[in-house]
């Protein structure tokens, strides 16, 4: 695996060696200690399986003196704070009481290089680091990007970019279209999404579109026709 490759788990983009993670919601970047990296690597390589405190202790025992099971719990709590992963409603690390810990994040996505992108979906704003709203929001973004790929010619590459900082990985002097996504949550199950379409090389705003979405349109199992119509309409207007 190249050191430049990164993996997306939920709303975080991790370096392949777990040295750092970038928030996809612009809530900040975090760095991990050697012990934290060992725990992340061990848990994520055994998704859905209980890893005991003793097993985790074996992985970090060389990181310092007087390491015990309470140190494992301390490191887990510190990782949860960094990732915004509440113990009672986790998206990454769940506690199996009396046994150990379980990695429950969805399958990792290898993040493709950006340089060949013609259309950039992002940055994505307004989503919390974790929780149901964040998961549904990222489902919307991924499905929107998929429909853009289906609508465009095969040689037109679409990439999702999480944060403004990640935009620095592009050569913005090349002709590219950017579609910023901003979520505005309101009461009664309604979510507004503002899509801002720009020519990035010319720094020109082409159009904006504000959508009032229902729960069904944010759900990954429905709203497919809506998403296809949205992608087609934007491509036609641009």
C-alpha atoms as a PDB file:
ATOM      1  CA  UNK A   1       0.000   0.000   0.000  1.00  0.00           C
ATOM      2  CA  UNK A   2       1.331   3.437  -0.897  1.00  0.00           C
ATOM      3  CA  UNK A   3       1.867   5.841   1.958  1.00  0.00           C
ATOM      4  CA  UNK A   4      -0.185   8.351  -0.046  1.00  0.00           C
ATOM      5  CA  UNK A   5      -3.275   6.138  -0.038  1.00  0.00           C
ATOM      6  CA  UNK A   6      -5.996   6.969   2.428  1.00  0.00           C
ATOM      7  CA  UNK A   7      -9.106   5.261   3.701  1.00  0.00           C
ATOM      8  CA  UNK A   8     -12.495   6.706   4.513  1.00  0.00           C
ATOM      9  CA  UNK A   9     -14.332   5.323   7.505  1.00  0.00           C
ATOM     10  CA  UNK A  10     -17.595   7.157   8.069  1.00  0.00           C
ATOM     11  CA  UNK A  11     -16.875  10.881   8.204  1.00  0.00           C
ATOM     12  CA  UNK A  12     -13.091  10.569   8.674  1.00  0.00           C
ATOM     13  CA  UNK A  13     -10.311  10.166   6.146  1.00  0.00           C
ATOM     14  CA  UNK A  14      -7.440   8.144   7.661  1.00  0.00           C
ATOM     15  CA  UNK A  15      -3.857   7.931   6.499  1.00  0.00           C
ATOM     16  CA  UNK A  16      -3.020   4.344   5.565  1.00  0.00           C
ATOM     17  CA  UNK A  17      -0.695   4.073   8.581  1.00  0.00           C
ATOM     18  CA  UNK A  18      -3.259   5.700  10.915  1.00  0.00           C
ATOM     19  CA  UNK A  19      -0.832   8.495  11.726  1.00  0.00           C
ATOM     20  CA  UNK A  20      -3.476  11.152  11.033  1.00  0.00           C
ATOM     21  CA  UNK A  21      -7.122  11.593  10.151  1.00  0.00           C
ATOM     22  CA  UNK A  22      -8.890  14.443   8.397  1.00  0.00           C
ATOM     23  CA  UNK A  23     -12.447  15.330   9.266  1.00  0.00           C
ATOM     24  CA  UNK A  24     -14.751  15.240   6.258  1.00  0.00           C
ATOM     25  CA  UNK A  25     -16.942  17.805   7.978  1.00  0.00           C
ATOM     26  CA  UNK A  26     -14.310  20.492   8.510  1.00  0.00           C
ATOM     27  CA  UNK A  27     -14.295  19.936  12.284  1.00  0.00           C
ATOM     28  CA  UNK A  28     -10.519  19.646  12.299  1.00  0.00           C
ATOM     29  CA  UNK A  29      -7.695  17.181  11.778  1.00  0.00           C
ATOM     30  CA  UNK A  30      -6.207  14.904  14.411  1.00  0.00           C
ATOM     31  CA  UNK A  31      -2.908  13.080  14.884  1.00  0.00           C
ATOM     32  CA  UNK A  32      -2.565   9.755  16.670  1.00  0.00           C
ATOM     33  CA  UNK A  33       0.139   8.537  19.020  1.00  0.00           C
ATOM     34  CA  UNK A  34       1.977   5.277  18.389  1.00  0.00           C
ATOM     35  CA  UNK A  35      -0.220   3.470  20.910  1.00  0.00           C
ATOM     36  CA  UNK A  36      -3.394   4.898  19.387  1.00  0.00           C
ATOM     37  CA  UNK A  37      -2.249   3.862  15.914  1.00  0.00           C
ATOM     38  CA  UNK A  38      -1.645   0.318  17.150  1.00  0.00           C
ATOM     39  CA  UNK A  39      -5.153   0.119  18.573  1.00  0.00           C
ATOM     40  CA  UNK A  40      -6.771   1.564  15.434  1.00  0.00           C
ATOM     41  CA  UNK A  41      -4.838  -0.817  13.208  1.00  0.00           C
ATOM     42  CA  UNK A  42      -5.693  -3.840  15.357  1.00  0.00           C
ATOM     43  CA  UNK A  43      -9.407  -3.070  15.665  1.00  0.00           C
ATOM     44  CA  UNK A  44      -9.980  -2.023  12.050  1.00  0.00           C
ATOM     45  CA  UNK A  45      -8.315  -5.187  10.756  1.00  0.00           C
ATOM     46  CA  UNK A  46     -10.835  -7.297  12.690  1.00  0.00           C
ATOM     47  CA  UNK A  47     -14.160  -5.577  11.937  1.00  0.00           C
ATOM     48  CA  UNK A  48     -17.137  -6.997  13.798  1.00  0.00           C
ATOM     49  CA  UNK A  49     -14.967  -9.187  16.029  1.00  0.00           C
ATOM     50  CA  UNK A  50     -14.351  -8.694  19.727  1.00  0.00           C
ATOM     51  CA  UNK A  51     -10.756  -7.801  20.535  1.00  0.00           C
ATOM     52  CA  UNK A  52      -9.977  -8.328  24.203  1.00  0.00           C
ATOM     53  CA  UNK A  53      -8.170  -5.827  26.374  1.00  0.00           C
ATOM     54  CA  UNK A  54      -5.337  -8.329  26.758  1.00  0.00           C
ATOM     55  CA  UNK A  55      -4.946  -8.548  22.976  1.00  0.00           C
ATOM     56  CA  UNK A  56      -4.832  -4.772  22.688  1.00  0.00           C
ATOM     57  CA  UNK A  57      -2.435  -4.650  25.625  1.00  0.00           C
ATOM     58  CA  UNK A  58      -0.072  -6.997  23.776  1.00  0.00           C
ATOM     59  CA  UNK A  59      -0.037  -4.575  20.835  1.00  0.00           C
ATOM     60  CA  UNK A  60       0.858  -1.518  22.900  1.00  0.00           C
ATOM     61  CA  UNK A  61       2.940  -3.018  25.700  1.00  0.00           C
ATOM     62  CA  UNK A  62       6.137  -1.815  24.089  1.00  0.00           C
ATOM     63  CA  UNK A  63       4.943   1.785  24.033  1.00  0.00           C
ATOM     64  CA  UNK A  64       5.926   2.518  27.667  1.00  0.00           C
ATOM     65  CA  UNK A  65       6.205   1.175  31.189  1.00  0.00           C
ATOM     66  CA  UNK A  66       3.422   0.210  33.587  1.00  0.00           C
ATOM     67  CA  UNK A  67       0.960  -0.450  30.812  1.00  0.00           C
ATOM     68  CA  UNK A  68      -2.183  -2.191  32.056  1.00  0.00           C
ATOM     69  CA  UNK A  69      -5.762  -2.805  31.018  1.00  0.00           C
ATOM     70  CA  UNK A  70      -6.820   0.537  32.463  1.00  0.00           C
ATOM     71  CA  UNK A  71      -4.364   2.152  30.048  1.00  0.00           C
ATOM     72  CA  UNK A  72      -6.178   0.420  27.176  1.00  0.00           C
ATOM     73  CA  UNK A  73      -9.478   1.889  28.371  1.00  0.00           C
ATOM     74  CA  UNK A  74      -7.838   5.306  28.641  1.00  0.00           C
ATOM     75  CA  UNK A  75      -6.553   5.093  25.068  1.00  0.00           C
ATOM     76  CA  UNK A  76      -9.951   3.972  23.761  1.00  0.00           C
ATOM     77  CA  UNK A  77     -11.629   6.926  25.483  1.00  0.00           C
ATOM     78  CA  UNK A  78      -9.034   9.283  24.024  1.00  0.00           C
ATOM     79  CA  UNK A  79      -9.622   7.901  20.527  1.00  0.00           C
ATOM     80  CA  UNK A  80     -13.354   8.367  20.987  1.00  0.00           C
ATOM     81  CA  UNK A  81     -12.865  12.004  21.961  1.00  0.00           C
ATOM     82  CA  UNK A  82     -10.663  12.646  18.945  1.00  0.00           C
ATOM     83  CA  UNK A  83     -13.121  11.025  16.547  1.00  0.00           C
ATOM     84  CA  UNK A  84     -16.280  12.413  18.155  1.00  0.00           C
ATOM     85  CA  UNK A  85     -17.441   8.836  18.737  1.00  0.00           C
ATOM     86  CA  UNK A  86     -19.732   8.647  21.813  1.00  0.00           C
ATOM     87  CA  UNK A  87     -19.527   5.410  23.777  1.00  0.00           C
ATOM     88  CA  UNK A  88     -23.319   5.103  24.053  1.00  0.00           C
ATOM     89  CA  UNK A  89     -23.959   5.588  20.336  1.00  0.00           C
ATOM     90  CA  UNK A  90     -20.690   4.726  18.570  1.00  0.00           C
ATOM     91  CA  UNK A  91     -19.905   4.674  14.874  1.00  0.00           C
ATOM     92  CA  UNK A  92     -16.368   3.300  15.203  1.00  0.00           C
ATOM     93  CA  UNK A  93     -15.542   1.558  18.493  1.00  0.00           C
ATOM     94  CA  UNK A  94     -18.199  -0.297  20.480  1.00  0.00           C
ATOM     95  CA  UNK A  95     -17.696  -1.730  23.963  1.00  0.00           C
ATOM     96  CA  UNK A  96     -18.418  -5.412  24.506  1.00  0.00           C
ATOM     97  CA  UNK A  97     -18.817  -5.349  28.263  1.00  0.00           C
ATOM     98  CA  UNK A  98     -16.673  -7.865  30.088  1.00  0.00           C
ATOM     99  CA  UNK A  99     -14.888  -8.850  26.879  1.00  0.00           C
ATOM    100  CA  UNK A 100     -13.262  -5.962  25.028  1.00  0.00           C
ATOM    101  CA  UNK A 101     -13.917  -3.706  22.049  1.00  0.00           C
ATOM    102  CA  UNK A 102     -15.370  -4.103  18.532  1.00  0.00           C
ATOM    103  CA  UNK A 103     -14.709  -2.068  15.377  1.00  0.00           C
ATOM    104  CA  UNK A 104     -18.173  -1.401  13.924  1.00  0.00           C
ATOM    105  CA  UNK A 105     -17.417   1.150  11.177  1.00  0.00           C
ATOM    106  CA  UNK A 106     -18.565   0.256   7.679  1.00  0.00           C
ATOM    107  CA  UNK A 107     -16.144  -1.178   5.135  1.00  0.00           C
ATOM    108  CA  UNK A 108     -13.337   1.271   4.325  1.00  0.00           C
ATOM    109  CA  UNK A 109     -13.332   3.099   1.010  1.00  0.00           C
ATOM    110  CA  UNK A 110     -10.010   3.570  -0.755  1.00  0.00           C
ATOM    111  CA  UNK A 111      -9.869   7.221  -1.745  1.00  0.00           C
ATOM    112  CA  UNK A 112      -8.827   7.577  -5.371  1.00  0.00           C
ATOM    113  CA  UNK A 113      -6.315  10.226  -6.461  1.00  0.00           C
ATOM    114  CA  UNK A 114      -7.869  13.565  -7.289  1.00  0.00           C
ATOM    115  CA  UNK A 115      -5.680  14.753 -10.140  1.00  0.00           C
ATOM    116  CA  UNK A 116      -7.766  13.113 -12.866  1.00  0.00           C
ATOM    117  CA  UNK A 117     -11.031  14.604 -11.600  1.00  0.00           C
ATOM    118  CA  UNK A 118     -13.161  16.649 -13.996  1.00  0.00           C
ATOM    119  CA  UNK A 119     -16.016  17.227 -11.531  1.00  0.00           C
ATOM    120  CA  UNK A 120     -15.363  17.713  -7.831  1.00  0.00           C
ATOM    121  CA  UNK A 121     -18.248  17.238  -5.403  1.00  0.00           C
ATOM    122  CA  UNK A 122     -17.312  19.259  -2.340  1.00  0.00           C
ATOM    123  CA  UNK A 123     -16.302  20.620  -0.012  1.00  0.00           C
ATOM    124  CA  UNK A 124     -19.084  19.158   2.117  1.00  0.00           C
ATOM    125  CA  UNK A 125     -20.230  21.384   4.965  1.00  0.00           C
ATOM    126  CA  UNK A 126     -22.776  21.299   7.761  1.00  0.00           C
ATOM    127  CA  UNK A 127     -22.520  17.671   8.857  1.00  0.00           C
ATOM    128  CA  UNK A 128     -21.651  16.613  12.394  1.00  0.00           C
ATOM    129  CA  UNK A 129     -18.613  14.340  12.883  1.00  0.00           C
ATOM    130  CA  UNK A 130     -20.848  11.351  13.624  1.00  0.00           C
ATOM    131  CA  UNK A 131     -24.422  10.275  14.171  1.00  0.00           C
ATOM    132  CA  UNK A 132     -27.449   9.429  12.063  1.00  0.00           C
ATOM    133  CA  UNK A 133     -27.584  12.827  10.369  1.00  0.00           C
ATOM    134  CA  UNK A 134     -23.950  12.542   9.300  1.00  0.00           C
ATOM    135  CA  UNK A 135     -24.412   9.033   7.895  1.00  0.00           C
ATOM    136  CA  UNK A 136     -27.517  10.022   5.929  1.00  0.00           C
ATOM    137  CA  UNK A 137     -25.806  13.160   4.695  1.00  0.00           C
ATOM    138  CA  UNK A 138     -22.807  11.241   3.378  1.00  0.00           C
ATOM    139  CA  UNK A 139     -25.136   8.691   1.777  1.00  0.00           C
ATOM    140  CA  UNK A 140     -26.714  11.618  -0.102  1.00  0.00           C
ATOM    141  CA  UNK A 141     -23.305  12.909  -1.236  1.00  0.00           C
ATOM    142  CA  UNK A 142     -22.110   9.483  -2.418  1.00  0.00           C
ATOM    143  CA  UNK A 143     -25.322   8.734  -4.292  1.00  0.00           C
ATOM    144  CA  UNK A 144     -25.288  12.184  -5.899  1.00  0.00           C
ATOM    145  CA  UNK A 145     -21.702  11.602  -7.074  1.00  0.00           C
ATOM    146  CA  UNK A 146     -22.681   8.171  -8.431  1.00  0.00           C
ATOM    147  CA  UNK A 147     -25.558   9.671 -10.432  1.00  0.00           C
ATOM    148  CA  UNK A 148     -23.226  12.322 -11.841  1.00  0.00           C
ATOM    149  CA  UNK A 149     -20.916   9.530 -13.032  1.00  0.00           C
ATOM    150  CA  UNK A 150     -23.875   7.801 -14.682  1.00  0.00           C
ATOM    151  CA  UNK A 151     -24.948  11.035 -16.378  1.00  0.00           C
ATOM    152  CA  UNK A 152     -21.559  12.166 -17.655  1.00  0.00           C
ATOM    153  CA  UNK A 153     -19.433  10.512 -20.340  1.00  0.00           C
ATOM    154  CA  UNK A 154     -17.242   7.666 -19.102  1.00  0.00           C
ATOM    155  CA  UNK A 155     -14.062   9.722 -19.496  1.00  0.00           C
ATOM    156  CA  UNK A 156     -15.382  12.415 -17.125  1.00  0.00           C
ATOM    157  CA  UNK A 157     -14.136  11.558 -13.639  1.00  0.00           C
ATOM    158  CA  UNK A 158     -16.068  12.563 -10.518  1.00  0.00           C
ATOM    159  CA  UNK A 159     -14.393  12.809  -7.112  1.00  0.00           C
ATOM    160  CA  UNK A 160     -15.796  13.650  -3.691  1.00  0.00           C
ATOM    161  CA  UNK A 161     -13.755  16.104  -1.628  1.00  0.00           C
ATOM    162  CA  UNK A 162     -14.578  16.444   2.048  1.00  0.00           C
ATOM    163  CA  UNK A 163     -13.004  19.689   3.174  1.00  0.00           C
ATOM    164  CA  UNK A 164     -11.593  22.957   1.906  1.00  0.00           C
ATOM    165  CA  UNK A 165      -8.116  21.852   2.928  1.00  0.00           C
ATOM    166  CA  UNK A 166      -8.357  18.861   0.594  1.00  0.00           C
ATOM    167  CA  UNK A 167      -8.915  21.202  -2.343  1.00  0.00           C
ATOM    168  CA  UNK A 168      -5.228  22.022  -2.124  1.00  0.00           C
ATOM    169  CA  UNK A 169      -4.501  18.626  -3.685  1.00  0.00           C
ATOM    170  CA  UNK A 170      -5.872  19.819  -7.040  1.00  0.00           C
ATOM    171  CA  UNK A 171      -4.272  21.839  -9.777  1.00  0.00           C
ATOM    172  CA  UNK A 172      -7.081  24.376  -9.930  1.00  0.00           C
ATOM    173  CA  UNK A 173      -5.696  25.984 -13.090  1.00  0.00           C
ATOM    174  CA  UNK A 174      -7.065  23.052 -15.093  1.00  0.00           C
ATOM    175  CA  UNK A 175     -10.675  23.155 -16.299  1.00  0.00           C
ATOM    176  CA  UNK A 176     -12.767  21.623 -13.541  1.00  0.00           C
ATOM    177  CA  UNK A 177     -16.308  21.968 -12.270  1.00  0.00           C
ATOM    178  CA  UNK A 178     -16.822  22.087  -8.515  1.00  0.00           C
ATOM    179  CA  UNK A 179     -20.121  21.403  -6.756  1.00  0.00           C
ATOM    180  CA  UNK A 180     -20.072  22.586  -3.149  1.00  0.00           C
ATOM    181  CA  UNK A 181     -22.538  20.882  -0.797  1.00  0.00           C
ATOM    182  CA  UNK A 182     -23.842  22.583   2.341  1.00  0.00           C
ATOM    183  CA  UNK A 183     -26.390  20.942   4.670  1.00  0.00           C
ATOM    184  CA  UNK A 184     -28.811  23.089   6.652  1.00  0.00           C
ATOM    185  CA  UNK A 185     -30.788  21.002   9.150  1.00  0.00           C
ATOM    186  CA  UNK A 186     -34.161  22.172  10.422  1.00  0.00           C
ATOM    187  CA  UNK A 187     -37.030  20.774  12.459  1.00  0.00           C
ATOM    188  CA  UNK A 188     -39.710  18.273  11.447  1.00  0.00           C
ATOM    189  CA  UNK A 189     -37.342  15.985   9.562  1.00  0.00           C
ATOM    190  CA  UNK A 190     -36.536  18.535   6.864  1.00  0.00           C
ATOM    191  CA  UNK A 191     -33.026  19.106   5.581  1.00  0.00           C
ATOM    192  CA  UNK A 192     -32.069  21.867   3.179  1.00  0.00           C
ATOM    193  CA  UNK A 193     -29.070  21.289   0.927  1.00  0.00           C
ATOM    194  CA  UNK A 194     -27.414  24.097  -1.018  1.00  0.00           C
ATOM    195  CA  UNK A 195     -25.488  23.038  -4.133  1.00  0.00           C
ATOM    196  CA  UNK A 196     -23.086  25.651  -5.541  1.00  0.00           C
ATOM    197  CA  UNK A 197     -21.711  24.900  -9.002  1.00  0.00           C
ATOM    198  CA  UNK A 198     -18.530  26.715 -10.064  1.00  0.00           C
ATOM    199  CA  UNK A 199     -15.807  26.694 -12.687  1.00  0.00           C
ATOM    200  CA  UNK A 200     -12.853  26.257 -10.373  1.00  0.00           C
ATOM    201  CA  UNK A 201     -10.211  27.288 -12.909  1.00  0.00           C
ATOM    202  CA  UNK A 202     -12.020  30.572 -13.584  1.00  0.00           C
ATOM    203  CA  UNK A 203     -13.245  31.034  -9.991  1.00  0.00           C
ATOM    204  CA  UNK A 204     -16.696  31.679 -11.424  1.00  0.00           C
ATOM    205  CA  UNK A 205     -19.985  30.716  -9.789  1.00  0.00           C
ATOM    206  CA  UNK A 206     -22.261  29.186 -12.424  1.00  0.00           C
ATOM    207  CA  UNK A 207     -25.400  28.471 -10.434  1.00  0.00           C
ATOM    208  CA  UNK A 208     -26.766  27.612  -6.998  1.00  0.00           C
ATOM    209  CA  UNK A 209     -29.643  25.361  -6.141  1.00  0.00           C
ATOM    210  CA  UNK A 210     -31.315  24.953  -2.757  1.00  0.00           C
ATOM    211  CA  UNK A 211     -33.193  21.723  -2.116  1.00  0.00           C
ATOM    212  CA  UNK A 212     -35.681  21.008   0.655  1.00  0.00           C
ATOM    213  CA  UNK A 213     -35.270  17.290   1.270  1.00  0.00           C
ATOM    214  CA  UNK A 214     -37.530  14.902   3.129  1.00  0.00           C
ATOM    215  CA  UNK A 215     -36.367  11.865   5.048  1.00  0.00           C
ATOM    216  CA  UNK A 216     -37.049   9.629   2.049  1.00  0.00           C
ATOM    217  CA  UNK A 217     -34.809  11.657  -0.242  1.00  0.00           C
ATOM    218  CA  UNK A 218     -31.914  11.349   2.209  1.00  0.00           C
ATOM    219  CA  UNK A 219     -32.441   7.634   2.729  1.00  0.00           C
ATOM    220  CA  UNK A 220     -30.043   5.355   0.836  1.00  0.00           C
ATOM    221  CA  UNK A 221     -32.843   2.905  -0.044  1.00  0.00           C
ATOM    222  CA  UNK A 222     -35.155   5.373  -1.766  1.00  0.00           C
ATOM    223  CA  UNK A 223     -35.168   8.584  -3.720  1.00  0.00           C
ATOM    224  CA  UNK A 224     -33.184   7.108  -6.628  1.00  0.00           C
ATOM    225  CA  UNK A 225     -35.300   8.782  -9.318  1.00  0.00           C
ATOM    226  CA  UNK A 226     -35.032  12.111  -7.499  1.00  0.00           C
ATOM    227  CA  UNK A 227     -31.242  11.833  -7.380  1.00  0.00           C
ATOM    228  CA  UNK A 228     -30.973  10.903 -11.060  1.00  0.00           C
ATOM    229  CA  UNK A 229     -33.184  13.852 -12.053  1.00  0.00           C
ATOM    230  CA  UNK A 230     -31.089  16.186  -9.907  1.00  0.00           C
ATOM    231  CA  UNK A 231     -27.815  15.062 -11.491  1.00  0.00           C
ATOM    232  CA  UNK A 232     -29.241  15.318 -15.011  1.00  0.00           C
ATOM    233  CA  UNK A 233     -30.680  18.786 -14.379  1.00  0.00           C
ATOM    234  CA  UNK A 234     -27.394  20.142 -13.045  1.00  0.00           C
ATOM    235  CA  UNK A 235     -25.373  18.702 -15.923  1.00  0.00           C
ATOM    236  CA  UNK A 236     -27.837  20.147 -18.452  1.00  0.00           C
ATOM    237  CA  UNK A 237     -27.731  23.601 -16.863  1.00  0.00           C
ATOM    238  CA  UNK A 238     -23.944  23.682 -16.682  1.00  0.00           C
END
